[in-house]
Amino acid sequence: MKRSISLAILSLFILHASAQTAPKTYRVLFYNLENFYDLVDDSLVNDDDFTPAGKSKWTKERYETKKANMAKVVTAICDSVQPLFFGVSEIEKKEVLQDWIATTNLKDYNLEVIEYDSPDQRGIDVALMYNSKLFKLISSEAINVTFPFDTAYKTRDILYVKGIVDNREIHVLVTHASSRRTAAGESLPRRLYSAAMLRRKALEITKKDPKANIVIMGDFNDTPHDASVADSLAAKSTTAKLKPGQLYNAMSKLDNTPGNFTYNHQGQMDILDQFITSQAMVSKGCTVCLKDNSAHIFSRDWMLYKTDKYGLAPNRTYAGPKYIGGYSDHLPIYMDLQFK
C-alpha cells in the first residue's frame, strides 16, 4: 500500500515538473490584406478609388464584408494557438485596423496597433498588431525607404518594433517590397535596395547582441530564392552551418515543394510572403525558438477559387475593377514560436 502511494506521489511530481518546463507556444502571422481602406475620403491619402464615389464603388456593405471575411481567416488560423503578433500590409491607416478589431471577434485577442503613415503612392502602409497581454512594447519606428537612383518614387516604410515577451527581447521588422508588375529593370533594383536596408538593420541589431531574436516578415514581391531575398537580404535556405548574425528563411522548405504559393498572378504561382528569423531562433541553445524551424501557408477551400486558365488562386476582393467579395489576393502565413 505504501509503495502504491509513493509511486502515485512520484507520478504527480513528474507531471508537475513536466508542466513547469513545457515551453509556451504563441502564433505569429503575416497577411497582405489587399487594399484595406475605410470609407472616408482622406485628403492626405491616395484613397479616392476606395470611396463610395470612387471607381471601385467601395460601399459600407463591401467594407463590412471585407472586415468579416478577414476576421474569419485570422480566427481560423488562431483556433488552437493564440496570436502573439500579426503583421499586415496594404492597409490605409491605423484607424482601419482599430475599427476592424473593435467590430469583429478580433477583439478577443487584446490587439494593439502600430502603424506609421508612409509616403507610398497608393496610400497604403504596413502595420503590426500585437497581443498587449503577451507583448510589452519597448519602441517602434518607421524606416523610410528612399531610392538614391530614383528619389521621386515613393513607397511604404519598413516598420521596426522592439518588445518583451516572457522576459525575452524580440525585434520585429515588417516590409512590403515594390511590386513586380512594372518592368523588371525598374522594379528589381527597388526590391534589391529594400532588402539591403533590412539586412543592414538586422546587422545593426546583431552587432549589439549576436543572440538577438529577430523576426522579419512581409510581402517581398520575390520568392525565397530570388536575388533580393537570397542575396541582398542574405536569408539562408537551411539552418545547417548557420552562424550568429546570419538569417534563416523559414519559407524556403515550402518554396522547394511544387504546388505551394501565397500569390497567383495569371498562373504564376509564387511564395511572395515570407518569415525570416535570426540564427539565434533556430540554434540548439535558443530560448525563443521557431518551432520545427518551419513556417506555414494557411489555405482553405473557402479562401480559394479555380479557373481553367490560371488554376487555383486566392479568392480576392477585387479582380481589376470587378468586385468579387472574397478575402485577399494573397494567402496568409504563420509560424509558432516557443519560449523555453
Protein backbone atom coordinates (compact mmCIF):
# COMPACT_ATOMS: atom_id res chain seq x y z
CA MET A 1 0.00 0.00 0.00
CA LYS A 2 2.78 2.42 0.95
CA ARG A 3 4.59 1.55 -2.28
CA SER A 4 1.47 2.39 -4.34
CA ILE A 5 1.08 5.74 -2.58
CA SER A 6 4.76 6.55 -3.14
CA LEU A 7 4.50 5.76 -6.86
CA ALA A 8 1.38 7.90 -7.16
CA ILE A 9 3.13 10.84 -5.48
CA LEU A 10 6.18 10.39 -7.72
CA SER A 11 3.96 10.37 -10.83
CA LEU A 12 2.27 13.59 -9.75
CA PHE A 13 5.66 15.20 -9.13
CA ILE A 14 6.91 14.20 -12.59
CA LEU A 15 3.75 15.54 -14.24
CA HIS A 16 4.05 18.81 -12.33
CA ALA A 17 7.72 19.21 -13.22
CA SER A 18 6.96 18.46 -16.84
CA ALA A 19 4.21 21.09 -16.92
CA GLN A 20 6.55 23.61 -15.36
CA THR A 21 9.23 23.12 -18.02
CA ALA A 22 6.96 22.82 -21.09
CA PRO A 23 7.63 25.71 -23.48
CA LYS A 24 4.95 28.33 -24.07
CA THR A 25 3.84 28.45 -27.70
CA TYR A 26 2.45 31.52 -29.45
CA ARG A 27 1.47 32.09 -33.07
CA VAL A 28 2.85 34.80 -35.39
CA LEU A 29 1.02 35.79 -38.57
CA PHE A 30 1.54 37.87 -41.66
CA TYR A 31 -1.22 38.77 -44.13
CA ASN A 32 -1.37 41.09 -47.13
CA LEU A 33 -4.93 42.43 -46.70
CA GLU A 34 -5.35 43.68 -50.30
CA ASN A 35 -6.39 47.32 -50.36
CA PHE A 36 -7.91 47.57 -46.89
CA TYR A 37 -9.36 51.09 -46.95
CA ASP A 38 -12.16 52.63 -44.92
CA LEU A 39 -14.98 54.72 -46.45
CA VAL A 40 -13.63 58.16 -45.53
CA ASP A 41 -12.10 60.27 -48.28
CA ASP A 42 -8.82 61.37 -46.72
CA SER A 43 -7.13 64.31 -48.47
CA LEU A 44 -3.73 63.16 -47.16
CA VAL A 45 -4.04 59.64 -48.62
CA ASN A 46 -4.46 58.44 -52.21
CA ASP A 47 -7.75 56.68 -51.43
CA ASP A 48 -10.12 58.22 -54.00
CA ASP A 49 -10.80 54.90 -55.75
CA PHE A 50 -11.83 53.27 -52.47
CA THR A 51 -14.66 55.60 -51.53
CA PRO A 52 -18.39 55.23 -52.28
CA ALA A 53 -17.99 57.67 -55.20
CA GLY A 54 -14.73 56.15 -56.45
CA LYS A 55 -14.28 53.76 -59.38
CA SER A 56 -14.17 50.74 -57.05
CA LYS A 57 -17.54 51.75 -55.53
CA TRP A 58 -16.28 50.98 -52.03
CA THR A 59 -19.56 50.92 -50.08
CA LYS A 60 -20.30 50.34 -46.42
CA GLU A 61 -21.64 46.88 -47.23
CA ARG A 62 -18.43 45.92 -49.05
CA TYR A 63 -16.28 47.35 -46.25
CA GLU A 64 -18.20 45.37 -43.61
CA THR A 65 -17.92 42.21 -45.71
CA LYS A 66 -14.17 42.75 -46.02
CA LYS A 67 -13.78 43.09 -42.24
CA ALA A 68 -15.85 39.97 -41.55
CA ASN A 69 -14.01 37.91 -44.19
CA MET A 70 -10.56 38.86 -42.93
CA ALA A 71 -11.54 38.20 -39.30
CA LYS A 72 -12.81 34.76 -40.32
CA VAL A 73 -9.38 33.93 -41.73
CA VAL A 74 -7.48 35.14 -38.66
CA THR A 75 -9.68 33.30 -36.16
CA ALA A 76 -9.34 30.13 -38.25
CA ILE A 77 -5.56 30.40 -38.10
CA CYS A 78 -5.63 31.04 -34.34
CA ASP A 79 -8.21 28.40 -33.41
CA SER A 80 -5.78 26.46 -31.18
CA VAL A 81 -2.82 28.79 -30.51
CA GLN A 82 -3.27 32.42 -29.52
CA PRO A 83 -1.56 35.10 -31.60
CA LEU A 84 1.48 36.92 -30.26
CA PHE A 85 1.77 39.49 -33.04
CA PHE A 86 0.37 39.91 -36.51
CA GLY A 87 1.99 41.78 -39.38
CA VAL A 88 -0.14 43.20 -42.20
CA SER A 89 0.35 45.13 -45.43
CA GLU A 90 -1.87 47.13 -47.80
CA ILE A 91 -3.77 48.95 -45.07
CA GLU A 92 -4.77 52.57 -45.41
CA LYS A 93 -4.16 53.73 -41.84
CA LYS A 94 -4.18 52.77 -38.19
CA GLU A 95 -7.86 53.61 -37.73
CA VAL A 96 -8.91 50.94 -40.25
CA LEU A 97 -7.24 48.24 -38.17
CA GLN A 98 -8.62 49.63 -34.92
CA ASP A 99 -12.13 49.54 -36.38
CA TRP A 100 -11.54 46.01 -37.66
CA ILE A 101 -10.50 44.87 -34.19
CA ALA A 102 -13.32 46.67 -32.37
CA THR A 103 -16.14 45.41 -34.61
CA THR A 104 -15.18 41.75 -35.07
CA ASN A 105 -14.14 38.85 -32.83
CA LEU A 106 -10.52 40.02 -33.17
CA LYS A 107 -11.22 42.00 -30.01
CA ASP A 108 -10.78 38.71 -28.12
CA TYR A 109 -7.03 38.82 -28.86
CA ASN A 110 -6.24 42.07 -26.95
CA LEU A 111 -4.67 43.60 -30.04
CA GLU A 112 -2.96 46.99 -30.17
CA VAL A 113 -1.82 48.59 -33.43
CA ILE A 114 1.49 50.13 -34.50
CA GLU A 115 1.41 51.97 -37.82
CA TYR A 116 3.10 54.99 -39.37
CA ASP A 117 1.73 56.85 -42.37
CA SER A 118 4.19 56.46 -45.22
CA PRO A 119 4.58 58.44 -48.47
CA ASP A 120 3.51 55.45 -50.58
CA GLN A 121 1.94 56.46 -53.88
CA ARG A 122 -1.14 54.27 -53.30
CA GLY A 123 -1.58 55.47 -49.73
CA ILE A 124 -1.00 52.02 -48.23
CA ASP A 125 1.16 51.05 -45.27
CA VAL A 126 2.42 48.10 -43.25
CA ALA A 127 1.48 47.65 -39.60
CA LEU A 128 1.93 45.37 -36.62
CA MET A 129 -0.87 44.27 -34.32
CA TYR A 130 0.32 42.74 -31.07
CA ASN A 131 -1.32 40.96 -28.14
CA SER A 132 -0.87 43.54 -25.38
CA LYS A 133 -1.22 40.89 -22.65
CA LEU A 134 1.75 38.96 -24.01
CA PHE A 135 3.90 41.50 -25.87
CA LYS A 136 5.23 44.52 -23.96
CA LEU A 137 6.17 47.29 -26.36
CA ILE A 138 9.57 48.94 -25.87
CA SER A 139 9.87 51.07 -29.01
CA SER A 140 8.93 51.40 -32.66
CA GLU A 141 9.98 53.40 -35.68
CA ALA A 142 9.30 53.82 -39.38
CA ILE A 143 12.37 53.29 -41.55
CA ASN A 144 11.86 55.41 -44.64
CA VAL A 145 12.74 53.71 -47.92
CA THR A 146 14.16 56.25 -50.38
CA PHE A 147 15.92 55.05 -53.50
CA PRO A 148 19.05 57.09 -54.35
CA PHE A 149 18.68 56.08 -58.01
CA ASP A 150 15.01 57.21 -58.11
CA THR A 151 14.28 59.79 -55.42
CA ALA A 152 10.91 60.69 -56.95
CA TYR A 153 9.49 57.22 -56.35
CA LYS A 154 7.54 56.96 -53.09
CA THR A 155 6.92 53.67 -51.32
CA ARG A 156 5.92 52.28 -47.92
CA ASP A 157 8.21 52.40 -44.92
CA ILE A 158 9.76 49.41 -43.18
CA LEU A 159 8.27 49.09 -39.70
CA TYR A 160 10.63 48.23 -36.83
CA VAL A 161 9.24 47.20 -33.43
CA LYS A 162 11.05 46.05 -30.29
CA GLY A 163 9.29 44.37 -27.39
CA ILE A 164 9.47 41.95 -24.48
CA VAL A 165 7.74 38.56 -24.29
CA ASP A 166 8.23 36.40 -21.19
CA ASN A 167 11.29 38.48 -20.27
CA ARG A 168 12.86 37.85 -23.71
CA GLU A 169 13.52 40.70 -26.10
CA ILE A 170 12.19 40.39 -29.67
CA HIS A 171 12.88 42.58 -32.70
CA VAL A 172 10.25 42.65 -35.47
CA LEU A 173 10.58 44.12 -38.98
CA VAL A 174 7.57 44.35 -41.33
CA THR A 175 8.06 45.10 -45.02
CA HIS A 176 6.17 45.33 -48.30
CA ALA A 177 8.61 45.50 -51.20
CA SER A 178 7.94 47.13 -54.56
CA SER A 179 5.63 45.31 -56.94
CA ARG A 180 6.91 43.09 -59.75
CA ARG A 181 4.22 44.31 -62.15
CA THR A 182 6.33 47.13 -63.56
CA ALA A 183 9.17 46.41 -65.97
CA ALA A 184 11.86 44.25 -64.39
CA GLY A 185 14.52 46.88 -64.99
CA GLU A 186 12.53 49.35 -62.89
CA SER A 187 11.21 47.20 -60.05
CA LEU A 188 14.05 44.77 -59.27
CA PRO A 189 16.57 47.44 -58.16
CA ARG A 190 14.00 48.73 -55.70
CA ARG A 191 13.50 45.31 -54.15
CA LEU A 192 17.24 44.71 -54.00
CA TYR A 193 17.72 48.04 -52.24
CA SER A 194 14.86 47.49 -49.75
CA ALA A 195 16.20 44.04 -48.90
CA ALA A 196 19.67 45.51 -48.32
CA MET A 197 18.11 48.01 -45.91
CA LEU A 198 16.53 45.14 -43.96
CA ARG A 199 19.89 43.39 -43.88
CA ARG A 200 21.65 46.48 -42.53
CA LYS A 201 19.07 46.82 -39.75
CA ALA A 202 19.44 43.16 -38.80
CA LEU A 203 23.24 43.52 -38.71
CA GLU A 204 22.91 46.62 -36.54
CA ILE A 205 20.84 44.62 -34.05
CA THR A 206 23.06 41.52 -34.00
CA LYS A 207 26.21 43.62 -33.70
CA LYS A 208 24.92 44.75 -30.32
CA ASP A 209 23.59 41.30 -29.43
CA PRO A 210 24.69 38.27 -31.51
CA LYS A 211 21.91 36.22 -29.86
CA ALA A 212 19.17 38.71 -30.69
CA ASN A 213 15.75 37.28 -31.57
CA ILE A 214 14.77 38.86 -34.90
CA VAL A 215 11.64 38.22 -36.96
CA ILE A 216 11.42 39.75 -40.43
CA MET A 217 8.07 39.35 -42.17
CA GLY A 218 6.32 40.74 -45.18
CA ASP A 219 5.33 40.65 -48.80
CA PHE A 220 8.71 40.66 -50.54
CA ASN A 221 7.25 40.51 -54.07
CA ASP A 222 10.03 37.98 -54.69
CA THR A 223 10.43 34.32 -53.78
CA PRO A 224 12.86 32.94 -51.15
CA HIS A 225 15.31 32.05 -53.91
CA ASP A 226 15.22 35.34 -55.81
CA ALA A 227 18.18 37.71 -55.61
CA SER A 228 16.60 40.31 -53.31
CA VAL A 229 15.89 37.75 -50.58
CA ALA A 230 18.67 35.20 -51.09
CA ASP A 231 21.48 37.68 -51.86
CA SER A 232 20.65 41.24 -50.74
CA LEU A 233 18.97 40.13 -47.53
CA ALA A 234 21.20 37.03 -47.40
CA ALA A 235 18.45 34.84 -45.92
CA LYS A 236 19.71 31.25 -45.96
CA SER A 237 17.52 28.36 -47.10
CA THR A 238 18.83 25.94 -44.46
CA THR A 239 19.82 26.05 -40.80
CA ALA A 240 22.90 23.89 -41.47
CA LYS A 241 26.11 25.77 -40.63
CA LEU A 242 24.17 28.93 -39.88
CA LYS A 243 26.36 31.37 -37.94
CA PRO A 244 25.45 34.04 -35.36
CA GLY A 245 24.28 37.15 -37.15
CA GLN A 246 23.02 35.25 -40.19
CA LEU A 247 19.37 34.95 -41.22
CA TYR A 248 17.21 31.92 -41.98
CA ASN A 249 14.25 31.91 -44.39
CA ALA A 250 11.54 29.76 -42.82
CA MET A 251 9.63 29.63 -46.13
CA SER A 252 12.43 28.00 -48.13
CA LYS A 253 11.24 24.44 -47.47
CA LEU A 254 7.80 25.34 -48.80
CA ASP A 255 9.26 27.08 -51.82
CA ASN A 256 11.10 23.88 -52.74
CA THR A 257 7.81 21.93 -52.85
CA PRO A 258 5.68 22.24 -56.01
CA GLY A 259 2.13 23.48 -55.51
CA ASN A 260 2.84 25.87 -52.65
CA PHE A 261 2.02 29.53 -53.20
CA THR A 262 0.79 32.65 -51.47
CA TYR A 263 0.04 34.55 -54.69
CA ASN A 264 -1.05 33.63 -58.21
CA HIS A 265 -0.64 36.24 -60.92
CA GLN A 266 -2.04 34.92 -64.20
CA GLY A 267 -0.88 31.39 -63.47
CA GLN A 268 2.48 32.37 -61.97
CA MET A 269 2.18 30.78 -58.52
CA ASP A 270 4.81 32.07 -56.09
CA ILE A 271 5.59 32.34 -52.40
CA LEU A 272 5.98 36.10 -52.02
CA ASP A 273 5.01 36.35 -48.34
CA GLN A 274 7.77 35.22 -46.01
CA PHE A 275 9.11 34.85 -42.49
CA ILE A 276 12.83 35.24 -41.85
CA THR A 277 14.45 34.79 -38.45
CA SER A 278 17.84 35.33 -36.87
CA GLN A 279 20.16 32.39 -36.29
CA ALA A 280 19.52 32.60 -32.55
CA MET A 281 15.91 31.45 -33.04
CA VAL A 282 16.87 28.23 -34.84
CA SER A 283 20.01 27.33 -32.87
CA LYS A 284 20.29 24.49 -30.35
CA GLY A 285 20.57 26.94 -27.48
CA CYS A 286 17.54 29.05 -28.43
CA THR A 287 15.26 30.40 -25.72
CA VAL A 288 12.83 31.87 -28.25
CA CYS A 289 12.62 29.12 -30.84
CA LEU A 290 10.97 28.75 -34.22
CA LYS A 291 9.00 25.53 -33.78
CA ASP A 292 10.30 22.80 -36.12
CA ASN A 293 12.29 25.52 -37.92
CA SER A 294 9.24 25.85 -40.15
CA ALA A 295 6.54 28.27 -41.26
CA HIS A 296 3.18 27.54 -42.86
CA ILE A 297 0.83 28.83 -45.54
CA PHE A 298 -2.78 28.94 -44.39
CA SER A 299 -5.15 27.82 -47.13
CA ARG A 300 -8.71 26.51 -47.05
CA ASP A 301 -11.12 25.68 -49.86
CA TRP A 302 -13.36 28.60 -48.90
CA MET A 303 -10.44 31.00 -49.40
CA LEU A 304 -9.75 29.88 -52.98
CA TYR A 305 -11.26 29.78 -56.43
CA LYS A 306 -10.21 27.89 -59.54
CA THR A 307 -10.08 29.00 -63.15
CA ASP A 308 -9.42 26.81 -66.17
CA LYS A 309 -6.79 29.25 -67.38
CA TYR A 310 -4.78 30.02 -64.23
CA GLY A 311 -5.64 27.24 -61.77
CA LEU A 312 -6.11 27.80 -58.03
CA ALA A 313 -5.83 31.33 -56.70
CA PRO A 314 -6.78 33.22 -53.55
CA ASN A 315 -10.42 34.38 -53.64
CA ARG A 316 -9.76 38.11 -53.72
CA THR A 317 -11.78 41.25 -53.01
CA TYR A 318 -11.39 42.74 -56.49
CA ALA A 319 -10.22 41.45 -59.85
CA GLY A 320 -9.28 44.69 -61.56
CA PRO A 321 -12.35 46.91 -61.26
CA LYS A 322 -14.68 43.92 -60.75
CA TYR A 323 -15.87 43.33 -57.18
CA ILE A 324 -15.51 39.66 -56.18
CA GLY A 325 -16.25 39.92 -52.46
CA GLY A 326 -13.59 37.45 -51.35
CA TYR A 327 -10.77 37.70 -48.82
CA SER A 328 -7.44 38.81 -50.28
CA ASP A 329 -5.32 38.24 -53.36
CA HIS A 330 -2.67 36.73 -51.02
CA LEU A 331 -2.80 33.76 -48.69
CA PRO A 332 -1.67 34.39 -45.10
CA ILE A 333 1.33 32.74 -43.49
CA TYR A 334 2.01 31.80 -39.88
CA MET A 335 4.63 30.22 -37.63
CA ASP A 336 4.80 29.17 -33.99
CA LEU A 337 7.33 30.50 -31.51
CA GLN A 338 8.24 28.50 -28.42
CA PHE A 339 9.53 30.25 -25.29
CA LYS A 340 11.73 27.94 -23.25
